[in-house]
Structure formats: structure tokens, C-alpha cells
Amino acid sequence: MSQQSQHDILIIGSGAAGLTAALALAEERTVLVLAKGRLDSGSTASAQGGIAAVFDAGDTFENHIRDTMVAGAGLNRLETVEFVVERAPHAIDRLSALGVPFNTEGHDLHLTREGGHSHRRIVHVNDATGLAVQQALLKAAADHPNITLLAGRSCIDLITGRHEERYSGSGRVWGVYALNEATGRVETHVARATVLASGGAGRCYLFSTAPRGATGDGIAMAWRAGARVSNMEMMQFHPTCLYNLEVKNFLITEAVRGEGGRLINPTTGKRFMPYYDERLELAPRDVVARAIDAEIKRYGLDYVHLDISHMPEDFVREHFPNIHEKLLGLGIDMTKEPIPVVPAQHYTCGGVVIDLRGRTDLPGLYAAGECTESGLHGANRLASNSLLECFVFGEAAATDILARWDEFEQPPPIRPWDESRVTDSDEEVVIKQNWTEIRRFMWNYVGIVRTTKRLERAQHRIKLLQDEVGDYYGHFRVTTDLIELRNLLQSAELIVRSALKRHESRGLHYTLDYPQTDPEARDTVLVP
């Protein structure tokens, strides 16, 4: 018999979006927050850059809106961009009140600049903003009597009308079945409303800056439950991830280029961005990533160099203390020599379709953050708009749930998880092999530059793997690895299907078969 718990509201994910929603909801209701692995193992803690907000004297909301739309190649929804940008200063004020120690100059916030921004508007805590934000939010949540934080829970599937003791085809979401990673038992967590804040699907790719757990769980669960998913082909690749075979996923922040860093071809010794874009190293991420990808392919390189050693030593150390220290530990002194970098998957711009209140298509299910497609990012996310989206939509979802509380009825009796017909797996090697295979063909066939033929090859492999994984899932007890593999494969399938539907190149989706950009921007919406 599986354990059952009931709270007013269930939140899946303990990053910026989930904890923002939890803190707002806990003023009036009891909240359960579930995290896969540790409470701080999501993407929020590794966000180096900062949070984009208009505070600069010469800056305006209109400028921030325009920069976001330009980066998003017109695919953004204007009303969403306005909604988020106008709420940014309020989000910063609330974080300051929670004790986030933002860098200041005199009485004002210190603002840095990143690619795609027309003004200095990145509010930051040195080069480790996300970590400071995560710590402040977690402390506030842990101290709140109405919030229960449970780590080590891998969510398997959303509980919907199909799982009611008296079956219903309503699509209404009542919570989630989750594996307790410590005991191996499946728990039933029931709530009147559920908020999905589970992060992106970056681990579909071989090289990614995303944490180990970014396997598209929320996107896959919402899709299986019947929610629409949009723009999954828009995968952002960060141009500069440290190239080091021992250290995976160490990001060299955009701000290194913002403060004067140059990209150099190690074979020719030449700076190469002048050949690709007049904005040089400060061009948007998709442009810079494609330029690096082109140099690597053309010259057969493993990496290119990012060099800021021409700037004064004190300046570099002061601006990038964490990166400087981390690189020194690896034998690289960025004040004297270049840093070897490669592009890596960085951000999932598509996801579960939501409106301005954070509502999904499914009654009782809300979503916020990287697992969603809100219309903010369009075809390419502007630097430092991601944390911002988490705060704004975490709060928007909470506000709507509290305003409509009387409409959320008590959950009906739910069937417990049934594992009467499965056994323990005797072939963990199958999971490992399939995981590696997916990440490799996604990198090679569905990466920075695509072709229809490559996408079709990826699709063919996904079909074969789906039969294999489905069969495995039906016969063996769930483990975190198996849950993640199933979700990873589902996310990969959505990415490839979306990419094949878009017959143009726009923003992050660049295909050699359709190099032109259509006059009208259209979302790629997949309906279950």
C-alpha cells in the first residue's frame, strides 16, 4: 500500500519558480514542495549572471521589452513580455526584503550588461546570483510553518481524473505519484491545486550546463496528462561552456564577454566574431553559438578560446571572483591566459503552454519557470530574463490560486500506485546505454545547426527506443533512472517533432534546408 499525503497545494520543484509560489501561497494555505534529489540541486543555484530589471537612469520598460522581442526573433507574445518586464523591479524589491545581498554602488544597485541588452540592467550578486537567491528562498521556505519541503522525491506521473477510484475523463489534476528515492516506495501526494516548477530538458543533450536532474520531467508528465506543449525546438545553446573533460557543465558567464572578453580561434590566433556579426562578442547567444560551432567544424577544433587577459588583473579578479578561483583550481589563470570554451545546451525556451495567470490546459494544474512556454522568450531567451520569469509567474500562479480558492473542490478518493505486476530490474545497463544514446544523437542531429535528414534520423531512433523503454517500464519497478529515461525520451521526441514542423530558420532553430525566416512568426504547438 503506498503512502498518501494531502495538502492544500502541491508544488513540484524547489527552484526560484516553485519557492516563489510556495512563499506567496503559504500566507493562507498549506503547501507541500517536492524536490528530486537535494532541495538546491536545480538550475537556480547555478545561474551566474543575474536578473534583468529596469533601474538605470536612461533605461525604460519599452527598451527592455524591445530587447526581449528582438532576441526572441518576434516569436514572443507582446502581452507576456510587457507583463514580465513591468513586474521586474517589484520582484527585485521582494528578493532584497528576503535578504538577497545584491551588489550596490553607493545607494543604488550595481548593474552589469549582457549580450542583447541595450542598457546596463542586470542586477546581480557577484557572479553567483542564482546561488544567493536559492539560499534566501530556501531559508524563508524552511522557516515558514505552512510549508513542508520534501527532498529525494522523483515524480512519476500527474494524478488526474483517470486515477480517481470512480474513473473520470475530466483531465482534472489532483497531485502526483512520486518515488521516495530513499525507500524505493511510491507515494501518492494529493492536493486541490498543483504547480509544476520542475525546470527544463537540457540533459537530452551530450553537452549541457543544466543540472543532472534537468530531464524534462514536468514537460513529459504534463504532455502525458493531456496538456499542450509549444516551441520545444527552441533550445538555447550557451556559447561559452568550459571545455574540460573532468569538469562537466561549468559555465563561463556572458558577462565575461560583456566586460571585454574576446573569442579567438586557437589555430589562427585570430579574433573571429568580426567575420560573423557587427555586434561582435555581444551579439545574441544564438549568433555567437553558431559562429563558434562554424569555427569548430571548419577547423576541426575541440574548442575555441575566450580571452579577457588584456584587461587589468584586478578588474578581472574583482568582476569574476568565483570563475577566477574555479579556473585557478584547474590550472587556468584567466588574468594571464585564454579559457578553452565550447557551446553547450543551456536553456529550454519551449515547454508547457501557460497563460498570464500560470494556468495550463488542465484544470487544477499551474506551471511556472523553465518547464513552461509563457510567450516571454520566443525563439531565443534574452540573457537574465529566466530568473525573472520564475519570480513573476511563480507569484502570478499563487495569486490566481488564492483568488479562485473556493472553486477548487476537495480531492476525491485516489487509487494507490499499483506495482503488483512488476519486478525489480536486473538490467540497469539498458538504462545507461539508452540514456547515453539519446544524448549523443540529440547533440549530433538536433543541435545548433539542423537538417531535415538529421532530424528524421533522430526521430527514427526515438521510435525504436520508445518501444524498448515502454516495454522495460511495463515490467520493472520504477527507479529514478528509469523515470528520468522515460521523460528524457518523451522530451526528445517533442523537440524533434517540433523541429520537423518548423519550415524556416528563426532564432535558435537553424536549419540548412529552410535558411529563410517566414514573414509571420508562428508558434509550434503540439496537441496530445
Protein backbone atom coordinates (compact mmCIF):
# COMPACT_ATOMS: atom_id res chain seq x y z
CA MET A 1 0.00 0.00 0.00
CA SER A 2 1.52 3.36 -0.98
CA GLN A 3 1.61 6.28 1.44
CA GLN A 4 -0.84 9.10 0.81
CA SER A 5 -0.43 12.73 1.88
CA GLN A 6 -2.80 15.64 1.38
CA HIS A 7 -2.02 19.36 1.38
CA ASP A 8 -3.92 22.37 0.04
CA ILE A 9 -1.37 22.94 -2.73
CA LEU A 10 1.39 20.77 -4.16
CA ILE A 11 4.47 22.28 -5.83
CA ILE A 12 6.78 20.14 -7.96
CA GLY A 13 10.24 21.73 -7.90
CA SER A 14 12.21 23.73 -5.32
CA GLY A 15 13.92 26.34 -7.52
CA ALA A 16 13.10 30.03 -7.99
CA ALA A 17 9.64 29.46 -9.53
CA GLY A 18 8.48 26.80 -7.07
CA LEU A 19 9.67 28.54 -3.91
CA THR A 20 8.33 31.94 -5.04
CA ALA A 21 4.89 30.36 -5.48
CA ALA A 22 5.20 28.47 -2.18
CA LEU A 23 6.02 31.57 -0.15
CA ALA A 24 3.09 33.52 -1.64
CA LEU A 25 0.62 30.63 -1.16
CA ALA A 26 1.75 29.82 2.38
CA GLU A 27 0.37 33.12 3.65
CA GLU A 28 -3.06 31.48 3.53
CA ARG A 29 -2.70 27.76 2.72
CA THR A 30 -0.64 24.65 3.49
CA VAL A 31 1.93 23.86 0.80
CA LEU A 32 3.99 20.77 0.03
CA VAL A 33 7.14 21.25 -2.08
CA LEU A 34 8.67 18.14 -3.69
CA ALA A 35 12.25 18.13 -4.98
CA LYS A 36 14.09 15.48 -6.94
CA GLY A 37 17.45 14.88 -5.22
CA ARG A 38 18.52 17.74 -2.92
CA LEU A 39 16.39 20.84 -2.37
CA ASP A 40 19.05 23.02 -4.03
CA SER A 41 20.01 20.75 -6.93
CA GLY A 42 18.03 22.58 -9.64
CA SER A 43 19.16 25.22 -12.15
CA THR A 44 18.50 28.28 -9.96
CA ALA A 45 21.63 27.80 -7.84
CA SER A 46 23.88 27.70 -10.91
CA ALA A 47 22.54 30.89 -12.58
CA GLN A 48 25.65 33.07 -12.59
CA GLY A 49 24.51 36.17 -14.45
CA GLY A 50 21.68 37.87 -12.66
CA ILE A 51 18.18 39.26 -13.05
CA ALA A 52 17.20 41.75 -15.76
CA ALA A 53 15.25 44.76 -14.49
CA VAL A 54 14.93 48.43 -15.42
CA PHE A 55 16.67 50.60 -12.80
CA ASP A 56 19.19 52.56 -14.89
CA ALA A 57 18.50 56.29 -15.24
CA GLY A 58 18.40 56.25 -19.06
CA ASP A 59 16.55 52.93 -19.35
CA THR A 60 12.81 52.30 -19.86
CA PHE A 61 10.37 49.37 -19.82
CA GLU A 62 9.98 49.95 -23.58
CA ASN A 63 13.73 49.33 -24.10
CA HIS A 64 13.68 46.09 -22.10
CA ILE A 65 10.54 44.94 -23.97
CA ARG A 66 12.13 45.75 -27.34
CA ASP A 67 15.41 43.95 -26.48
CA THR A 68 13.43 40.87 -25.41
CA MET A 69 11.37 40.87 -28.63
CA VAL A 70 14.47 41.33 -30.82
CA ALA A 71 16.30 38.44 -29.12
CA GLY A 72 13.16 36.29 -29.38
CA ALA A 73 13.02 36.87 -33.16
CA GLY A 74 9.43 38.13 -32.95
CA LEU A 75 8.04 34.83 -31.65
CA ASN A 76 7.39 36.28 -28.19
CA ARG A 77 3.85 37.25 -27.11
CA LEU A 78 3.96 41.01 -26.56
CA GLU A 79 1.45 40.99 -23.68
CA THR A 80 3.59 38.44 -21.80
CA VAL A 81 6.78 40.45 -22.33
CA GLU A 82 5.07 43.62 -21.05
CA PHE A 83 3.60 41.72 -18.08
CA VAL A 84 7.00 40.35 -17.00
CA VAL A 85 9.17 43.42 -17.67
CA GLU A 86 6.80 45.73 -15.75
CA ARG A 87 6.89 43.42 -12.71
CA ALA A 88 10.69 43.08 -12.63
CA PRO A 89 11.53 45.93 -10.21
CA HIS A 90 8.91 44.60 -7.75
CA ALA A 91 10.49 41.12 -7.92
CA ILE A 92 13.93 42.61 -7.08
CA ASP A 93 12.46 44.56 -4.15
CA ARG A 94 10.88 41.39 -2.75
CA LEU A 95 14.16 39.46 -3.04
CA SER A 96 16.03 42.28 -1.31
CA ALA A 97 13.47 42.07 1.51
CA LEU A 98 14.22 38.34 1.80
CA GLY A 99 17.88 39.25 2.31
CA VAL A 100 19.44 38.66 -1.12
CA PRO A 101 22.67 40.73 -0.91
CA PHE A 102 22.62 42.38 -4.36
CA ASN A 103 25.77 44.31 -5.33
CA THR A 104 25.39 48.06 -4.85
CA GLU A 105 27.20 51.28 -5.78
CA GLY A 106 26.51 53.87 -3.13
CA HIS A 107 22.73 53.75 -2.56
CA ASP A 108 21.97 52.24 -5.96
CA LEU A 109 22.06 48.68 -7.24
CA HIS A 110 25.15 47.85 -9.31
CA LEU A 111 24.02 46.98 -12.83
CA THR A 112 26.04 44.96 -15.32
CA ARG A 113 25.36 44.43 -19.02
CA GLU A 114 24.97 41.27 -21.07
CA GLY A 115 24.56 40.33 -24.73
CA GLY A 116 21.36 41.58 -26.38
CA HIS A 117 20.71 44.31 -23.76
CA SER A 118 20.78 47.94 -24.89
CA HIS A 119 21.43 49.16 -21.32
CA ARG A 120 23.05 48.06 -18.09
CA ARG A 121 20.16 46.33 -16.31
CA ILE A 122 21.48 43.09 -14.78
CA VAL A 123 21.02 43.13 -11.01
CA HIS A 124 23.48 40.63 -9.54
CA VAL A 125 25.33 39.15 -6.56
CA ASN A 126 28.92 38.99 -7.89
CA ASP A 127 28.91 36.17 -10.48
CA ALA A 128 26.77 33.80 -8.37
CA THR A 129 23.33 35.45 -8.27
CA GLY A 130 21.30 32.25 -8.52
CA LEU A 131 23.03 30.72 -5.51
CA ALA A 132 22.25 33.73 -3.32
CA VAL A 133 18.63 33.74 -4.49
CA GLN A 134 18.24 29.96 -3.93
CA GLN A 135 19.66 30.23 -0.40
CA ALA A 136 17.39 33.14 0.55
CA LEU A 137 14.24 31.46 -0.84
CA LEU A 138 15.06 28.09 0.78
CA LYS A 139 15.69 29.70 4.15
CA ALA A 140 12.40 31.60 4.01
CA ALA A 141 10.52 28.44 2.95
CA ALA A 142 12.16 26.27 5.64
CA ASP A 143 11.25 28.86 8.29
CA HIS A 144 7.56 29.02 7.22
CA PRO A 145 5.18 26.89 9.32
CA ASN A 146 2.79 26.32 6.37
CA ILE A 147 5.45 24.93 4.01
CA THR A 148 6.63 21.30 4.04
CA LEU A 149 9.80 20.64 2.00
CA LEU A 150 10.42 17.05 0.88
CA ALA A 151 13.67 16.25 -0.92
CA GLY A 152 14.50 12.96 -2.65
CA ARG A 153 11.18 12.60 -4.48
CA SER A 154 11.15 11.67 -8.19
CA CYS A 155 7.75 12.45 -9.68
CA ILE A 156 6.43 9.72 -11.98
CA ASP A 157 3.08 10.95 -13.29
CA LEU A 158 0.43 13.55 -12.51
CA ILE A 159 -2.67 12.18 -10.80
CA THR A 160 -5.70 13.05 -12.95
CA GLY A 161 -9.36 12.05 -13.23
CA ARG A 162 -8.15 8.73 -14.66
CA HIS A 163 -6.74 7.80 -11.27
CA GLU A 164 -9.88 8.55 -9.26
CA GLU A 165 -11.47 5.49 -7.62
CA ARG A 166 -14.53 6.35 -9.73
CA TYR A 167 -12.79 6.93 -13.09
CA SER A 168 -13.32 10.34 -14.68
CA GLY A 169 -12.17 11.68 -18.04
CA SER A 170 -12.17 15.26 -16.70
CA GLY A 171 -8.41 15.79 -17.03
CA ARG A 172 -8.56 17.44 -13.60
CA VAL A 173 -5.17 17.25 -11.85
CA TRP A 174 -5.17 16.10 -8.20
CA GLY A 175 -1.45 15.85 -7.44
CA VAL A 176 1.32 13.40 -8.30
CA TYR A 177 2.69 9.90 -7.79
CA ALA A 178 6.29 10.22 -6.60
CA LEU A 179 9.06 7.74 -5.86
CA ASN A 180 10.69 8.13 -2.45
CA GLU A 181 14.34 7.81 -3.51
CA ALA A 182 15.39 6.57 -0.04
CA THR A 183 12.79 3.81 0.48
CA GLY A 184 12.01 2.88 -3.14
CA ARG A 185 8.27 3.14 -2.38
CA VAL A 186 5.85 5.16 -4.49
CA GLU A 187 3.91 7.84 -2.58
CA THR A 188 0.58 9.44 -3.51
CA HIS A 189 0.58 13.21 -2.93
CA VAL A 190 -2.85 14.77 -3.33
CA ALA A 191 -3.81 18.47 -3.43
CA ARG A 192 -6.56 20.80 -4.61
CA ALA A 193 -4.13 22.62 -6.89
CA THR A 194 -0.73 21.64 -8.30
CA VAL A 195 2.08 23.93 -9.54
CA LEU A 196 4.64 22.48 -11.93
CA ALA A 197 8.03 24.19 -11.50
CA SER A 198 10.28 21.32 -12.49
CA GLY A 199 12.79 23.03 -14.81
CA GLY A 200 13.95 22.28 -18.35
CA ALA A 201 15.02 19.35 -20.51
CA GLY A 202 18.69 20.17 -21.06
CA ARG A 203 20.03 16.72 -20.25
CA CYS A 204 18.61 15.48 -23.56
CA TYR A 205 21.96 16.76 -24.88
CA LEU A 206 25.51 15.46 -24.53
CA PHE A 207 26.96 18.86 -23.57
CA SER A 208 24.72 20.87 -21.28
CA THR A 209 25.08 23.42 -18.50
CA ALA A 210 21.85 22.07 -16.95
CA PRO A 211 21.96 20.14 -13.68
CA ARG A 212 21.87 16.33 -13.76
CA GLY A 213 18.15 16.32 -12.97
CA ALA A 214 17.02 18.51 -15.92
CA THR A 215 15.34 15.63 -17.75
CA GLY A 216 12.13 17.37 -18.81
CA ASP A 217 10.06 15.60 -16.12
CA GLY A 218 7.35 18.25 -15.81
CA ILE A 219 7.02 18.76 -19.55
CA ALA A 220 6.72 15.00 -20.16
CA MET A 221 4.24 14.49 -17.28
CA ALA A 222 2.03 17.38 -18.41
CA TRP A 223 2.10 16.10 -22.02
CA ARG A 224 1.10 12.57 -20.94
CA ALA A 225 -1.72 14.06 -18.84
CA GLY A 226 -3.07 15.98 -21.85
CA ALA A 227 -1.57 19.48 -21.79
CA ARG A 228 -0.35 21.24 -24.94
CA VAL A 229 3.36 21.85 -25.38
CA SER A 230 4.84 24.64 -27.53
CA ASN A 231 8.10 25.70 -29.23
CA MET A 232 10.17 22.75 -27.99
CA GLU A 233 12.54 23.13 -30.96
CA MET A 234 13.80 26.39 -29.40
CA MET A 235 16.73 25.01 -27.39
CA GLN A 236 19.21 27.66 -26.35
CA PHE A 237 22.89 26.80 -26.54
CA HIS A 238 25.15 28.88 -24.33
CA PRO A 239 28.16 29.89 -26.42
CA THR A 240 30.77 29.53 -23.68
CA CYS A 241 30.90 26.44 -21.50
CA LEU A 242 34.33 25.48 -20.13
CA TYR A 243 35.95 22.74 -22.22
CA ASN A 244 37.34 20.34 -19.65
CA LEU A 245 36.98 16.56 -19.72
CA GLU A 246 36.93 16.25 -15.91
CA VAL A 247 34.64 19.14 -15.08
CA LYS A 248 31.21 18.97 -16.70
CA ASN A 249 28.80 21.89 -17.10
CA PHE A 250 30.94 24.78 -15.85
CA LEU A 251 29.57 27.91 -17.46
CA ILE A 252 31.68 30.97 -18.29
CA THR A 253 29.13 33.75 -17.86
CA GLU A 254 28.06 36.04 -20.70
CA ALA A 255 29.36 38.94 -18.58
CA VAL A 256 32.98 37.94 -19.40
CA ARG A 257 32.17 38.97 -22.98
CA GLY A 258 30.13 41.93 -21.69
CA GLU A 259 33.22 43.26 -19.89
CA GLY A 260 35.62 42.89 -22.85
CA GLY A 261 36.32 39.17 -23.39
CA ARG A 262 37.20 38.19 -27.00
CA LEU A 263 36.69 34.93 -28.87
CA ILE A 264 39.85 33.65 -30.56
CA ASN A 265 40.44 30.75 -32.96
CA PRO A 266 43.31 28.78 -31.32
CA THR A 267 44.63 27.61 -34.73
CA THR A 268 44.81 31.01 -36.45
CA GLY A 269 45.20 33.08 -33.28
CA LYS A 270 42.63 35.50 -34.74
CA ARG A 271 39.52 37.04 -33.22
CA PHE A 272 36.71 35.60 -35.37
CA MET A 273 33.46 37.35 -34.38
CA PRO A 274 34.12 40.27 -36.79
CA TYR A 275 33.53 37.80 -39.66
CA TYR A 276 30.09 36.83 -38.34
CA ASP A 277 28.33 39.84 -36.81
CA GLU A 278 28.92 43.56 -36.36
CA ARG A 279 27.90 43.28 -32.68
CA LEU A 280 30.97 41.05 -32.23
CA GLU A 281 31.06 39.12 -28.91
CA LEU A 282 27.93 40.92 -27.69
CA ALA A 283 25.67 39.52 -30.42
CA PRO A 284 22.77 37.40 -29.09
CA ARG A 285 23.60 33.90 -27.89
CA ASP A 286 22.29 32.05 -30.94
CA VAL A 287 24.53 34.09 -33.26
CA VAL A 288 27.63 33.61 -31.08
CA ALA A 289 26.96 29.88 -30.59
CA ARG A 290 26.58 29.32 -34.37
CA ALA A 291 29.79 31.28 -35.03
CA ILE A 292 31.74 29.11 -32.56
CA ASP A 293 30.12 25.95 -33.98
CA ALA A 294 31.15 27.03 -37.51
CA GLU A 295 34.79 27.72 -36.46
CA ILE A 296 34.99 24.36 -34.63
CA LYS A 297 33.61 22.45 -37.63
CA ARG A 298 35.63 24.36 -40.22
CA TYR A 299 38.99 23.98 -38.46
CA GLY A 300 38.33 20.59 -36.78
CA LEU A 301 38.78 22.11 -33.31
CA ASP A 302 37.70 20.72 -29.95
CA TYR A 303 37.16 24.23 -28.56
CA VAL A 304 37.83 27.95 -29.12
CA HIS A 305 39.47 30.45 -26.76
CA LEU A 306 37.71 33.13 -24.70
CA ASP A 307 40.30 35.71 -23.71
CA ILE A 308 39.97 38.57 -21.22
CA SER A 309 43.67 38.60 -20.21
CA HIS A 310 44.19 42.00 -21.91
CA MET A 311 42.11 43.63 -19.14
CA PRO A 312 43.76 44.71 -15.84
CA GLU A 313 44.31 41.80 -13.45
CA ASP A 314 42.45 43.44 -10.53
CA PHE A 315 39.47 44.20 -12.77
CA VAL A 316 39.13 40.54 -13.83
CA ARG A 317 39.50 39.21 -10.28
CA GLU A 318 37.03 41.73 -8.87
CA HIS A 319 34.37 41.11 -11.53
CA PHE A 320 34.61 37.31 -11.70
CA PRO A 321 35.83 36.08 -8.30
CA ASN A 322 34.12 32.66 -8.46
CA ILE A 323 35.07 31.87 -12.04
CA HIS A 324 38.64 33.06 -11.46
CA GLU A 325 39.02 30.81 -8.40
CA LYS A 326 37.41 27.78 -10.04
CA LEU A 327 39.68 28.08 -13.13
CA LEU A 328 42.80 28.53 -10.97
CA GLY A 329 41.96 25.19 -9.36
CA LEU A 330 42.05 23.69 -12.87
CA GLY A 331 45.38 25.29 -13.73
CA ILE A 332 43.99 28.18 -15.82
CA ASP A 333 44.74 31.78 -14.82
CA MET A 334 42.16 33.85 -16.74
CA THR A 335 44.06 37.06 -15.91
CA LYS A 336 47.04 35.79 -17.97
CA GLU A 337 45.73 33.21 -20.48
CA PRO A 338 42.65 32.33 -22.52
CA ILE A 339 39.87 29.97 -21.39
CA PRO A 340 39.00 26.96 -23.64
CA VAL A 341 35.22 27.02 -24.33
CA VAL A 342 32.56 25.14 -26.35
CA PRO A 343 28.85 25.80 -26.82
CA ALA A 344 26.55 23.68 -24.64
CA GLN A 345 22.79 23.28 -24.30
CA HIS A 346 21.75 25.91 -21.79
CA TYR A 347 18.04 26.68 -21.68
CA THR A 348 14.72 25.18 -22.79
CA CYS A 349 12.72 28.07 -24.29
CA GLY A 350 9.67 25.91 -25.09
CA GLY A 351 7.50 23.91 -22.71
CA VAL A 352 4.01 23.54 -21.28
CA VAL A 353 1.67 26.24 -22.61
CA ILE A 354 0.53 28.68 -19.87
CA ASP A 355 -1.40 31.96 -19.76
CA LEU A 356 -0.59 35.12 -17.77
CA ARG A 357 -2.01 33.53 -14.60
CA GLY A 358 0.24 30.48 -14.91
CA ARG A 359 -2.72 28.24 -15.85
CA THR A 360 -2.13 25.22 -18.11
CA ASP A 361 -4.81 23.50 -20.23
CA LEU A 362 -5.57 21.08 -17.38
CA PRO A 363 -7.93 22.14 -14.57
CA GLY A 364 -6.07 22.36 -11.26
CA LEU A 365 -2.61 22.44 -12.89
CA TYR A 366 -0.45 25.58 -12.96
CA ALA A 367 3.14 25.91 -14.16
CA ALA A 368 5.99 28.43 -13.91
CA GLY A 369 9.64 28.76 -14.94
CA GLU A 370 11.70 26.82 -17.44
CA CYS A 371 9.20 23.96 -17.88
CA THR A 372 6.73 26.43 -19.46
CA GLU A 373 6.22 28.34 -22.66
CA SER A 374 4.70 31.60 -21.43
CA GLY A 375 5.47 33.67 -24.51
CA LEU A 376 8.29 35.59 -22.79
CA HIS A 377 11.31 34.12 -24.59
CA GLY A 378 10.03 33.44 -28.10
CA ALA A 379 12.68 31.91 -30.35
CA ASN A 380 15.63 32.81 -28.09
CA ARG A 381 15.85 33.86 -24.44
CA LEU A 382 17.44 37.22 -23.67
CA ALA A 383 20.17 36.90 -21.01
CA SER A 384 18.95 37.15 -17.39
CA ASN A 385 15.24 37.03 -18.26
CA SER A 386 14.99 33.45 -16.96
CA LEU A 387 15.15 34.01 -13.18
CA LEU A 388 12.85 36.97 -13.74
CA GLU A 389 10.22 34.74 -15.38
CA CYS A 390 10.36 32.38 -12.38
CA PHE A 391 9.57 35.14 -9.87
CA VAL A 392 6.84 36.77 -11.93
CA PHE A 393 4.98 33.58 -12.87
CA GLY A 394 5.53 31.90 -9.50
CA GLU A 395 3.72 34.86 -7.98
CA ALA A 396 1.09 35.05 -10.75
CA ALA A 397 0.13 31.39 -10.24
CA ALA A 398 -0.09 31.84 -6.46
CA THR A 399 -2.23 34.98 -6.83
CA ASP A 400 -4.68 33.21 -9.14
CA ILE A 401 -4.94 30.10 -6.93
CA LEU A 402 -5.69 32.18 -3.83
CA ALA A 403 -8.21 34.35 -5.71
CA ARG A 404 -10.08 31.28 -7.00
CA TRP A 405 -9.66 29.09 -3.91
CA ASP A 406 -13.39 28.43 -3.46
CA GLU A 407 -13.56 26.91 -6.96
CA PHE A 408 -11.04 24.18 -6.06
CA GLU A 409 -13.05 21.29 -4.65
CA GLN A 410 -11.74 18.66 -2.22
CA PRO A 411 -9.90 15.80 -3.98
CA PRO A 412 -11.93 12.58 -4.40
CA PRO A 413 -10.57 9.17 -3.31
CA ILE A 414 -7.49 8.33 -5.45
CA ARG A 415 -6.29 4.83 -6.38
CA PRO A 416 -2.90 3.95 -4.87
CA TRP A 417 0.05 3.23 -7.17
CA ASP A 418 -0.14 -0.35 -8.43
CA GLU A 419 3.08 -2.32 -8.69
CA SER A 420 1.59 -5.79 -8.28
CA ARG A 421 2.67 -6.91 -11.76
CA VAL A 422 6.27 -5.67 -11.84
CA THR A 423 9.61 -6.99 -10.56
CA ASP A 424 12.97 -5.42 -9.69
CA SER A 425 15.10 -4.69 -12.73
CA ASP A 426 18.05 -6.96 -13.40
CA GLU A 427 19.43 -4.86 -16.27
CA GLU A 428 20.39 -1.35 -15.18
CA VAL A 429 22.89 -1.35 -18.07
CA VAL A 430 19.95 -0.94 -20.50
CA ILE A 431 19.04 2.40 -18.90
CA LYS A 432 22.60 3.69 -19.01
CA GLN A 433 23.08 2.65 -22.63
CA ASN A 434 19.81 4.27 -23.78
CA TRP A 435 20.50 7.47 -21.83
CA THR A 436 23.92 7.88 -23.50
CA GLU A 437 22.50 7.08 -26.92
CA ILE A 438 19.74 9.73 -26.67
CA ARG A 439 22.14 12.46 -25.55
CA ARG A 440 24.60 11.63 -28.33
CA PHE A 441 22.17 11.58 -31.27
CA MET A 442 20.36 14.69 -29.96
CA TRP A 443 23.72 16.52 -29.89
CA ASN A 444 24.73 15.35 -33.36
CA TYR A 445 21.35 15.54 -35.15
CA VAL A 446 19.25 18.10 -33.24
CA GLY A 447 21.96 20.55 -32.16
CA ILE A 448 22.92 24.11 -33.09
CA VAL A 449 22.63 23.52 -36.86
CA ARG A 450 19.97 21.11 -38.17
CA THR A 451 18.81 19.46 -41.40
CA THR A 452 15.60 17.57 -42.17
CA LYS A 453 17.59 14.39 -42.80
CA ARG A 454 19.33 14.61 -39.42
CA LEU A 455 16.01 15.25 -37.66
CA GLU A 456 14.41 12.26 -39.37
CA ARG A 457 17.32 10.06 -38.28
CA ALA A 458 16.81 11.22 -34.69
CA GLN A 459 13.07 10.56 -34.96
CA HIS A 460 13.69 7.03 -36.24
CA ARG A 461 15.96 6.23 -33.27
CA ILE A 462 13.46 7.69 -30.82
CA LYS A 463 10.72 5.37 -32.16
CA LEU A 464 12.93 2.31 -31.63
CA LEU A 465 13.87 3.43 -28.12
CA GLN A 466 10.26 4.20 -27.18
CA ASP A 467 9.26 0.57 -27.77
CA GLU A 468 12.22 -0.64 -25.75
CA VAL A 469 11.78 1.77 -22.83
CA GLY A 470 7.98 1.30 -22.80
CA ASP A 471 8.42 -2.46 -22.54
CA TYR A 472 11.01 -2.05 -19.77
CA TYR A 473 8.77 0.43 -17.87
CA GLY A 474 5.86 -2.02 -18.00
CA HIS A 475 7.83 -4.90 -16.48
CA PHE A 476 10.09 -3.42 -13.81
CA ARG A 477 9.74 -1.37 -10.61
CA VAL A 478 10.41 2.32 -11.15
CA THR A 479 13.75 3.84 -10.17
CA THR A 480 14.82 7.46 -10.52
CA ASP A 481 16.98 6.47 -13.52
CA LEU A 482 14.06 4.76 -15.26
CA ILE A 483 11.68 7.68 -14.57
CA GLU A 484 14.25 10.12 -15.97
CA LEU A 485 14.96 7.99 -19.03
CA ARG A 486 11.25 7.81 -19.86
CA ASN A 487 10.88 11.59 -19.50
CA LEU A 488 14.11 12.32 -21.38
CA LEU A 489 12.93 10.23 -24.31
CA GLN A 490 9.49 11.91 -24.29
CA SER A 491 11.13 15.36 -24.22
CA ALA A 492 13.49 14.41 -27.07
CA GLU A 493 10.50 13.24 -29.11
CA LEU A 494 8.72 16.58 -28.56
CA ILE A 495 11.86 18.54 -29.53
CA VAL A 496 12.34 16.59 -32.76
CA ARG A 497 8.65 16.66 -33.68
CA SER A 498 8.55 20.44 -33.16
CA ALA A 499 11.76 20.96 -35.17
CA LEU A 500 10.36 18.96 -38.12
CA LYS A 501 7.20 21.12 -38.11
CA ARG A 502 9.08 24.42 -38.43
CA HIS A 503 9.95 25.04 -42.09
CA GLU A 504 12.05 28.17 -41.55
CA SER A 505 15.09 29.31 -39.57
CA ARG A 506 14.22 31.58 -36.66
CA GLY A 507 16.17 32.36 -33.50
CA LEU A 508 17.54 29.15 -32.04
CA HIS A 509 16.06 26.88 -34.71
CA TYR A 510 18.55 27.00 -37.57
CA THR A 511 18.10 24.50 -40.41
CA LEU A 512 20.14 24.32 -43.61
CA ASP A 513 17.05 23.11 -45.54
CA TYR A 514 15.00 26.23 -44.72
CA PRO A 515 17.51 29.08 -44.16
CA GLN A 516 14.89 31.83 -44.71
CA THR A 517 12.72 33.38 -41.98
CA ASP A 518 8.98 33.49 -42.72
CA PRO A 519 7.31 36.93 -42.73
CA GLU A 520 4.91 35.83 -39.97
CA ALA A 521 6.07 34.35 -36.65
CA ARG A 522 4.05 31.29 -35.62
CA ASP A 523 4.31 29.12 -32.52
CA THR A 524 4.82 25.37 -32.96
CA VAL A 525 2.02 23.99 -30.80
CA LEU A 526 1.76 20.23 -30.22
CA VAL A 527 -1.59 18.83 -29.06
CA PRO A 528 -1.60 15.44 -27.24
